[in-house]
Protein backbone atom coordinates (compact mmCIF):
# COMPACT_ATOMS: atom_id res chain seq x y z
CA MET A 1 15.05 7.27 -20.27
CA ALA A 2 12.73 6.60 -17.39
CA ALA A 3 10.89 3.23 -17.08
CA TRP A 4 7.21 3.34 -18.13
CA GLN A 5 4.82 3.47 -15.17
CA PRO A 6 0.99 3.59 -15.21
CA TRP A 7 0.89 6.67 -12.99
CA ARG A 8 2.29 10.17 -13.10
CA ASP A 9 5.82 11.11 -12.10
CA SER A 10 5.14 12.98 -8.83
CA PRO A 11 5.55 11.16 -5.50
CA ALA A 12 2.08 12.31 -4.46
CA GLU A 13 0.50 10.78 -7.62
CA VAL A 14 2.35 7.51 -7.08
CA VAL A 15 1.12 7.32 -3.37
CA ASP A 16 -2.40 8.23 -4.48
CA ALA A 17 -2.45 5.37 -7.05
CA TYR A 18 -0.99 2.94 -4.45
CA MET A 19 -3.43 3.93 -1.72
CA GLY A 20 -6.38 3.75 -4.33
CA LEU A 21 -5.37 0.22 -5.20
CA LEU A 22 -4.99 -0.81 -1.54
CA VAL A 23 -8.40 0.70 -0.54
CA ASP A 24 -10.17 -0.82 -3.53
CA SER A 25 -8.72 -4.26 -2.80
CA LEU A 26 -9.75 -4.16 0.87
CA GLU A 27 -13.22 -2.80 0.31
CA ASN A 28 -14.02 -5.24 -2.54
CA ASP A 29 -12.56 -8.39 -0.77
CA GLU A 30 -9.88 -8.65 -3.50
CA THR A 31 -6.95 -9.30 -1.06
CA GLU A 32 -5.67 -12.54 -2.48
CA TYR A 33 -3.20 -10.89 -4.82
CA LEU A 34 -2.86 -7.49 -3.07
CA PHE A 35 0.83 -7.94 -2.62
CA LEU A 36 1.39 -8.68 -6.29
CA ARG A 37 -0.85 -5.79 -7.46
CA THR A 38 1.08 -3.29 -5.24
CA ARG A 39 4.59 -4.57 -6.24
CA PRO A 40 5.07 -2.24 -9.24
CA TYR A 41 4.78 0.75 -6.91
CA LEU A 42 7.60 -0.38 -4.62
CA CYS A 43 11.33 0.19 -4.62
CA ALA A 44 13.79 -2.65 -5.05
CA ALA A 45 14.30 -3.07 -1.29
CA SER A 46 10.64 -3.22 -0.58
CA ARG A 47 10.00 -5.73 -3.41
CA ALA A 48 12.79 -7.89 -1.86
CA THR A 49 10.98 -7.80 1.40
CA LEU A 50 7.76 -8.92 -0.36
CA ASP A 51 9.70 -11.66 -2.27
CA ASP A 52 10.83 -13.06 1.15
CA ARG A 53 7.28 -12.93 2.49
CA PHE A 54 6.00 -14.83 -0.59
CA GLY A 55 8.88 -17.47 -0.08
CA GLU A 56 7.58 -17.96 3.49
CA PHE A 57 3.86 -17.80 3.06
CA GLY A 58 3.12 -18.54 -0.59
CA GLY A 59 0.96 -16.62 -3.11
CA THR A 60 -0.82 -14.33 -0.69
CA GLY A 61 2.21 -13.15 1.29
CA MET A 62 0.29 -13.88 4.51
CA ASP A 63 -0.04 -16.95 6.76
CA GLU A 64 -3.47 -18.69 6.51
CA LEU A 65 -4.96 -17.18 9.63
CA GLN A 66 -3.92 -13.64 8.55
CA TYR A 67 -5.49 -14.11 5.11
CA GLU A 68 -8.67 -15.66 6.36
CA LEU A 69 -9.08 -12.82 8.94
CA LEU A 70 -8.42 -10.09 6.41
CA ASN A 71 -10.63 -11.74 3.78
CA ASP A 72 -13.53 -11.99 6.35
CA MET A 73 -13.34 -8.31 7.50
CA THR A 74 -15.54 -5.54 6.24
CA PHE A 75 -13.88 -2.21 5.33
CA ALA A 76 -15.09 1.29 4.55
CA ILE A 77 -11.95 3.37 3.90
CA ASP A 78 -11.16 6.78 2.73
CA TYR A 79 -7.83 8.56 2.27
CA GLU A 80 -6.50 11.90 1.43
CA VAL A 81 -2.99 12.90 0.24
CA LEU A 82 -2.21 15.99 2.43
CA ASP A 83 1.30 16.98 1.55
CA SER A 84 4.45 16.06 -0.34
CA SER A 85 8.05 17.11 -0.08
CA THR A 86 11.00 16.24 -2.20
CA GLU A 87 14.74 16.52 -1.56
CA GLY A 88 16.93 15.10 -4.28
CA ASP A 89 16.20 11.47 -4.93
CA SER A 90 14.01 11.09 -1.72
CA ALA A 91 10.47 12.26 -1.10
CA SER A 92 7.85 11.96 1.64
CA VAL A 93 4.09 12.06 1.20
CA THR A 94 1.70 12.55 4.06
CA VAL A 95 -1.65 10.81 3.84
CA ARG A 96 -4.68 10.78 6.13
CA LEU A 97 -6.33 7.33 6.29
CA HIS A 98 -9.73 6.97 8.00
CA GLY A 99 -12.81 4.73 7.95
CA GLU A 100 -14.39 1.77 9.58
CA SER A 101 -13.52 -1.88 9.84
CA ALA A 102 -15.32 -4.96 11.38
CA ILE A 103 -14.48 -8.62 12.05
CA PRO A 104 -17.17 -11.10 11.10
CA GLY A 105 -20.10 -10.73 13.54
CA GLY A 106 -18.65 -7.59 15.03
CA GLU A 107 -19.62 -3.90 14.95
CA LEU A 108 -17.91 -1.45 12.56
CA ALA A 109 -15.15 0.28 14.52
CA PRO A 110 -13.84 3.62 13.41
CA PHE A 111 -10.17 4.10 12.74
CA GLY A 112 -7.92 7.02 11.68
CA ASN A 113 -4.25 7.52 11.12
CA THR A 114 -1.90 9.86 9.41
CA LEU A 115 0.99 8.22 7.53
CA SER A 116 4.20 9.63 6.30
CA ILE A 117 5.19 7.57 3.19
CA ASP A 118 8.81 7.47 2.02
CA LEU A 119 9.73 7.22 -1.69
CA VAL A 120 12.87 7.11 -3.71
CA ASP A 121 13.68 7.89 -7.30
CA GLU A 122 14.87 4.74 -8.91
CA ALA A 123 16.30 5.52 -12.41
CA GLY A 124 13.76 8.43 -12.87
CA VAL A 125 10.71 6.58 -11.53
CA TRP A 126 9.36 7.44 -8.03
CA ARG A 127 8.75 4.31 -5.98
CA ILE A 128 7.48 3.74 -2.42
CA CYS A 129 10.24 2.59 -0.20
CA ASP A 130 8.55 2.20 3.24
CA ASP A 131 8.13 -1.30 4.76
CA SER A 132 5.79 -0.02 7.53
CA LEU A 133 2.93 0.59 5.06
CA PRO A 134 -0.36 -1.26 4.82
CA GLY A 135 -0.02 -3.79 2.07
CA MET A 136 3.52 -4.54 2.93
């Protein structure tokens, strides 16, 4: 029996939920517990990486300067899940991320990036297993 998860079973749906949470947190200045909120979407190896970061930096998973800078920035972000492929217990989901960000007192600067996000099936539950992601 698969573990319960608050999202659908497909890799694309897991990534969509993760990215929605990430974008919402950044746009609404709710970054303090961002790492804890994204943790359920992550594989065991990525959760261990976060646990190490929390041990080093405390509750936010960031050093004080990183946290203050991130919290003071302004974001307007959009994303789109473009493609998904699955092979056995591994999957990859391609996401286009674009928008604007600004440091305090600065102008909004546009950004755009296409990400390929890796996932693994852990006991019937698709989880993101990619430490290069935003929010990691």
